[in-house]
Amino acid sequence: MKFHTYRRGRMIGRSLFLIDGVMTSGAALAAATEACYVGELDHVSALTLARAAKDT
């Protein structure tokens, strides 16, 4: 994944707090976190407000 040089420079060494309303499989949250680390953020925290129940 490539970042625009200007945006990447603004992200290096910063922290980010992600909020996900409803987590289903967690794939979207994992992809967002991975993108943040590719952008060289120093720390990423996440909060999920609810989790979808798995079908049984």
PDB file of N, CA and C in Angstrom:
ATOM      1  N   MET A   1       0.831  -1.168   0.000  1.00  0.00           N
ATOM      2  CA  MET A   1       0.000   0.000   0.000  1.00  0.00           C
ATOM      3  C   MET A   1       0.881   1.240   0.000  1.00  0.00           C
ATOM      4  N   LYS A   2       0.573   2.189  -0.867  1.00  0.00           N
ATOM      5  CA  LYS A   2       1.359   3.413  -0.950  1.00  0.00           C
ATOM      6  C   LYS A   2       0.585   4.582  -0.366  1.00  0.00           C
ATOM      7  N   PHE A   3       1.287   5.428   0.326  1.00  0.00           N
ATOM      8  CA  PHE A   3       0.716   6.649   0.870  1.00  0.00           C
ATOM      9  C   PHE A   3       1.318   7.831   0.138  1.00  0.00           C
ATOM     10  N   HIS A   4       0.513   8.862  -0.013  1.00  0.00           N
ATOM     11  CA  HIS A   4       1.015  10.108  -0.559  1.00  0.00           C
ATOM     12  C   HIS A   4       2.097  10.615   0.396  1.00  0.00           C
ATOM     13  N   THR A   5       3.206  11.085  -0.113  1.00  0.00           N
ATOM     14  CA  THR A   5       4.348  11.494   0.710  1.00  0.00           C
ATOM     15  C   THR A   5       3.966  12.536   1.751  1.00  0.00           C
ATOM     16  N   TYR A   6       3.139  13.487   1.405  1.00  0.00           N
ATOM     17  CA  TYR A   6       2.735  14.530   2.345  1.00  0.00           C
ATOM     18  C   TYR A   6       1.966  13.929   3.522  1.00  0.00           C
ATOM     19  N   ARG A   7       1.002  13.057   3.230  1.00  0.00           N
ATOM     20  CA  ARG A   7       0.207  12.444   4.294  1.00  0.00           C
ATOM     21  C   ARG A   7       1.046  11.525   5.155  1.00  0.00           C
ATOM     22  N   ARG A   8       1.936  10.792   4.543  1.00  0.00           N
ATOM     23  CA  ARG A   8       2.764   9.868   5.306  1.00  0.00           C
ATOM     24  C   ARG A   8       3.644  10.630   6.291  1.00  0.00           C
ATOM     25  N   GLY A   9       4.201  11.731   5.858  1.00  0.00           N
ATOM     26  CA  GLY A   9       5.035  12.546   6.732  1.00  0.00           C
ATOM     27  C   GLY A   9       4.275  13.081   7.927  1.00  0.00           C
ATOM     28  N   ARG A  10       2.996  13.342   7.760  1.00  0.00           N
ATOM     29  CA  ARG A  10       2.170  13.842   8.860  1.00  0.00           C
ATOM     30  C   ARG A  10       1.800  12.735   9.840  1.00  0.00           C
ATOM     31  N   MET A  11       1.890  11.475   9.431  1.00  0.00           N
ATOM     32  CA  MET A  11       1.479  10.360  10.279  1.00  0.00           C
ATOM     33  C   MET A  11       2.621   9.780  11.117  1.00  0.00           C
ATOM     34  N   ILE A  12       3.830   9.920  10.658  1.00  0.00           N
ATOM     35  CA  ILE A  12       4.974   9.275  11.317  1.00  0.00           C
ATOM     36  C   ILE A  12       5.067   9.699  12.777  1.00  0.00           C
ATOM     37  N   GLY A  13       5.125   8.693  13.659  1.00  0.00           N
ATOM     38  CA  GLY A  13       5.313   8.936  15.078  1.00  0.00           C
ATOM     39  C   GLY A  13       4.071   9.342  15.851  1.00  0.00           C
ATOM     40  N   ARG A  14       2.929   9.421  15.200  1.00  0.00           N
ATOM     41  CA  ARG A  14       1.704   9.835  15.885  1.00  0.00           C
ATOM     42  C   ARG A  14       0.931   8.621  16.398  1.00  0.00           C
ATOM     43  N   SER A  15      -0.041   8.897  17.241  1.00  0.00           N
ATOM     44  CA  SER A  15      -0.941   7.871  17.751  1.00  0.00           C
ATOM     45  C   SER A  15      -2.328   8.089  17.168  1.00  0.00           C
ATOM     46  N   LEU A  16      -3.104   7.016  17.081  1.00  0.00           N
ATOM     47  CA  LEU A  16      -4.452   7.104  16.523  1.00  0.00           C
ATOM     48  C   LEU A  16      -5.385   6.234  17.336  1.00  0.00           C
ATOM     49  N   PHE A  17      -6.615   6.694  17.504  1.00  0.00           N
ATOM     50  CA  PHE A  17      -7.639   5.948  18.220  1.00  0.00           C
ATOM     51  C   PHE A  17      -8.755   5.648  17.238  1.00  0.00           C
ATOM     52  N   LEU A  18      -8.960   4.376  16.906  1.00  0.00           N
ATOM     53  CA  LEU A  18     -10.004   3.957  15.968  1.00  0.00           C
ATOM     54  C   LEU A  18     -11.261   3.578  16.742  1.00  0.00           C
ATOM     55  N   ILE A  19     -12.428   3.969  16.225  1.00  0.00           N
ATOM     56  CA  ILE A  19     -13.693   3.574  16.828  1.00  0.00           C
ATOM     57  C   ILE A  19     -14.511   2.860  15.757  1.00  0.00           C
ATOM     58  N   ASP A  20     -14.973   1.653  16.105  1.00  0.00           N
ATOM     59  CA  ASP A  20     -15.800   0.849  15.204  1.00  0.00           C
ATOM     60  C   ASP A  20     -17.137   0.644  15.892  1.00  0.00           C
ATOM     61  N   GLY A  21     -18.226   1.051  15.265  1.00  0.00           N
ATOM     62  CA  GLY A  21     -19.547   0.948  15.872  1.00  0.00           C
ATOM     63  C   GLY A  21     -19.924  -0.483  16.194  1.00  0.00           C
ATOM     64  N   VAL A  22     -19.915  -1.356  15.193  1.00  0.00           N
ATOM     65  CA  VAL A  22     -20.247  -2.766  15.375  1.00  0.00           C
ATOM     66  C   VAL A  22     -19.194  -3.600  14.673  1.00  0.00           C
ATOM     67  N   MET A  23     -18.500  -4.441  15.421  1.00  0.00           N
ATOM     68  CA  MET A  23     -17.493  -5.314  14.824  1.00  0.00           C
ATOM     69  C   MET A  23     -18.153  -6.647  14.480  1.00  0.00           C
ATOM     70  N   THR A  24     -18.016  -7.059  13.233  1.00  0.00           N
ATOM     71  CA  THR A  24     -18.557  -8.353  12.822  1.00  0.00           C
ATOM     72  C   THR A  24     -17.424  -9.372  12.800  1.00  0.00           C
ATOM     73  N   SER A  25     -16.662  -9.415  11.725  1.00  0.00           N
ATOM     74  CA  SER A  25     -15.554 -10.372  11.644  1.00  0.00           C
ATOM     75  C   SER A  25     -14.244  -9.779  12.148  1.00  0.00           C
ATOM     76  N   GLY A  26     -14.173  -8.462  12.220  1.00  0.00           N
ATOM     77  CA  GLY A  26     -12.945  -7.800  12.633  1.00  0.00           C
ATOM     78  C   GLY A  26     -12.016  -7.491  11.474  1.00  0.00           C
ATOM     79  N   ALA A  27     -12.403  -7.867  10.261  1.00  0.00           N
ATOM     80  CA  ALA A  27     -11.554  -7.661   9.093  1.00  0.00           C
ATOM     81  C   ALA A  27     -11.351  -6.172   8.779  1.00  0.00           C
ATOM     82  N   ALA A  28     -12.393  -5.375   8.896  1.00  0.00           N
ATOM     83  CA  ALA A  28     -12.269  -3.940   8.600  1.00  0.00           C
ATOM     84  C   ALA A  28     -11.351  -3.258   9.606  1.00  0.00           C
ATOM     85  N   LEU A  29     -11.494  -3.620  10.869  1.00  0.00           N
ATOM     86  CA  LEU A  29     -10.646  -3.043  11.911  1.00  0.00           C
ATOM     87  C   LEU A  29      -9.186  -3.476  11.727  1.00  0.00           C
ATOM     88  N   ALA A  30      -8.983  -4.718  11.348  1.00  0.00           N
ATOM     89  CA  ALA A  30      -7.629  -5.219  11.105  1.00  0.00           C
ATOM     90  C   ALA A  30      -6.990  -4.508   9.906  1.00  0.00           C
ATOM     91  N   ALA A  31      -7.764  -4.294   8.847  1.00  0.00           N
ATOM     92  CA  ALA A  31      -7.244  -3.613   7.662  1.00  0.00           C
ATOM     93  C   ALA A  31      -6.905  -2.153   7.973  1.00  0.00           C
ATOM     94  N   ALA A  32      -7.756  -1.495   8.755  1.00  0.00           N
ATOM     95  CA  ALA A  32      -7.493  -0.102   9.115  1.00  0.00           C
ATOM     96  C   ALA A  32      -6.240   0.003   9.977  1.00  0.00           C
ATOM     97  N   THR A  33      -6.081  -0.924  10.910  1.00  0.00           N
ATOM     98  CA  THR A  33      -4.899  -0.929  11.766  1.00  0.00           C
ATOM     99  C   THR A  33      -3.635  -1.178  10.958  1.00  0.00           C
ATOM    100  N   GLU A  34      -3.695  -2.113  10.032  1.00  0.00           N
ATOM    101  CA  GLU A  34      -2.543  -2.412   9.176  1.00  0.00           C
ATOM    102  C   GLU A  34      -2.149  -1.190   8.351  1.00  0.00           C
ATOM    103  N   ALA A  35      -3.144  -0.483   7.800  1.00  0.00           N
ATOM    104  CA  ALA A  35      -2.860   0.724   7.024  1.00  0.00           C
ATOM    105  C   ALA A  35      -2.183   1.788   7.883  1.00  0.00           C
ATOM    106  N   CYS A  36      -2.590   1.882   9.135  1.00  0.00           N
ATOM    107  CA  CYS A  36      -1.976   2.850  10.042  1.00  0.00           C
ATOM    108  C   CYS A  36      -0.513   2.523  10.297  1.00  0.00           C
ATOM    109  N   TYR A  37      -0.218   1.247  10.490  1.00  0.00           N
ATOM    110  CA  TYR A  37       1.169   0.865  10.738  1.00  0.00           C
ATOM    111  C   TYR A  37       2.029   0.997   9.473  1.00  0.00           C
ATOM    112  N   VAL A  38       1.435   0.782   8.308  1.00  0.00           N
ATOM    113  CA  VAL A  38       2.163   1.016   7.055  1.00  0.00           C
ATOM    114  C   VAL A  38       2.515   2.497   6.941  1.00  0.00           C
ATOM    115  N   GLY A  39       1.614   3.352   7.420  1.00  0.00           N
ATOM    116  CA  GLY A  39       1.844   4.793   7.429  1.00  0.00           C
ATOM    117  C   GLY A  39       2.778   5.242   8.534  1.00  0.00           C
ATOM    118  N   GLU A  40       3.354   4.301   9.273  1.00  0.00           N
ATOM    119  CA  GLU A  40       4.341   4.530  10.316  1.00  0.00           C
ATOM    120  C   GLU A  40       3.811   5.295  11.527  1.00  0.00           C
ATOM    121  N   LEU A  41       2.555   5.034  11.882  1.00  0.00           N
ATOM    122  CA  LEU A  41       2.065   5.567  13.144  1.00  0.00           C
ATOM    123  C   LEU A  41       2.783   4.862  14.270  1.00  0.00           C
ATOM    124  N   ASP A  42       2.940   5.548  15.379  1.00  0.00           N
ATOM    125  CA  ASP A  42       3.652   5.000  16.517  1.00  0.00           C
ATOM    126  C   ASP A  42       2.786   4.039  17.317  1.00  0.00           C
ATOM    127  N   HIS A  43       1.499   4.354  17.462  1.00  0.00           N
ATOM    128  CA  HIS A  43       0.620   3.544  18.298  1.00  0.00           C
ATOM    129  C   HIS A  43      -0.804   3.629  17.769  1.00  0.00           C
ATOM    130  N   VAL A  44      -1.512   2.498  17.733  1.00  0.00           N
ATOM    131  CA  VAL A  44      -2.911   2.456  17.307  1.00  0.00           C
ATOM    132  C   VAL A  44      -3.723   1.766  18.395  1.00  0.00           C
ATOM    133  N   SER A  45      -4.790   2.429  18.863  1.00  0.00           N
ATOM    134  CA  SER A  45      -5.724   1.848  19.817  1.00  0.00           C
ATOM    135  C   SER A  45      -7.074   1.731  19.125  1.00  0.00           C
ATOM    136  N   ALA A  46      -7.887   0.776  19.562  1.00  0.00           N
ATOM    137  CA  ALA A  46      -9.199   0.592  18.949  1.00  0.00           C
ATOM    138  C   ALA A  46     -10.261   0.372  20.012  1.00  0.00           C
ATOM    139  N   LEU A  47     -11.459   0.873  19.744  1.00  0.00           N
ATOM    140  CA  LEU A  47     -12.610   0.690  20.605  1.00  0.00           C
ATOM    141  C   LEU A  47     -13.756   0.207  19.740  1.00  0.00           C
ATOM    142  N   THR A  48     -14.417  -0.848  20.189  1.00  0.00           N
ATOM    143  CA  THR A  48     -15.602  -1.360  19.495  1.00  0.00           C
ATOM    144  C   THR A  48     -16.781  -1.175  20.426  1.00  0.00           C
ATOM    145  N   LEU A  49     -17.857  -0.586  19.927  1.00  0.00           N
ATOM    146  CA  LEU A  49     -19.017  -0.319  20.757  1.00  0.00           C
ATOM    147  C   LEU A  49     -19.911  -1.545  20.920  1.00  0.00           C
ATOM    148  N   ALA A  50     -19.923  -2.442  19.922  1.00  0.00           N
ATOM    149  CA  ALA A  50     -20.726  -3.662  19.998  1.00  0.00           C
ATOM    150  C   ALA A  50     -20.090  -4.719  19.108  1.00  0.00           C
ATOM    151  N   ARG A  51     -20.396  -5.952  19.391  1.00  0.00           N
ATOM    152  CA  ARG A  51     -19.905  -7.063  18.570  1.00  0.00           C
ATOM    153  C   ARG A  51     -21.100  -7.868  18.099  1.00  0.00           C
ATOM    154  N   ALA A  52     -21.151  -8.173  16.798  1.00  0.00           N
ATOM    155  CA  ALA A  52     -22.231  -8.976  16.243  1.00  0.00           C
ATOM    156  C   ALA A  52     -22.079 -10.412  16.722  1.00  0.00           C
ATOM    157  N   ALA A  53     -23.191 -11.028  17.079  1.00  0.00           N
ATOM    158  CA  ALA A  53     -23.174 -12.414  17.535  1.00  0.00           C
ATOM    159  C   ALA A  53     -22.924 -13.353  16.357  1.00  0.00           C
ATOM    160  N   LYS A  54     -22.156 -14.399  16.600  1.00  0.00           N
ATOM    161  CA  LYS A  54     -21.911 -15.407  15.573  1.00  0.00           C
ATOM    162  C   LYS A  54     -23.147 -16.297  15.452  1.00  0.00           C
ATOM    163  N   ASP A  55     -23.434 -16.700  14.215  1.00  0.00           N
ATOM    164  CA  ASP A  55     -24.543 -17.643  13.994  1.00  0.00           C
ATOM    165  C   ASP A  55     -24.152 -19.014  14.543  1.00  0.00           C
ATOM    166  N   THR A  56     -25.089 -19.666  15.200  1.00  0.00           N
ATOM    167  CA  THR A  56     -24.793 -21.000  15.746  1.00  0.00           C
ATOM    168  C   THR A  56     -25.567 -22.058  15.034  1.00  0.00           C
TER     169      THR A  56
END
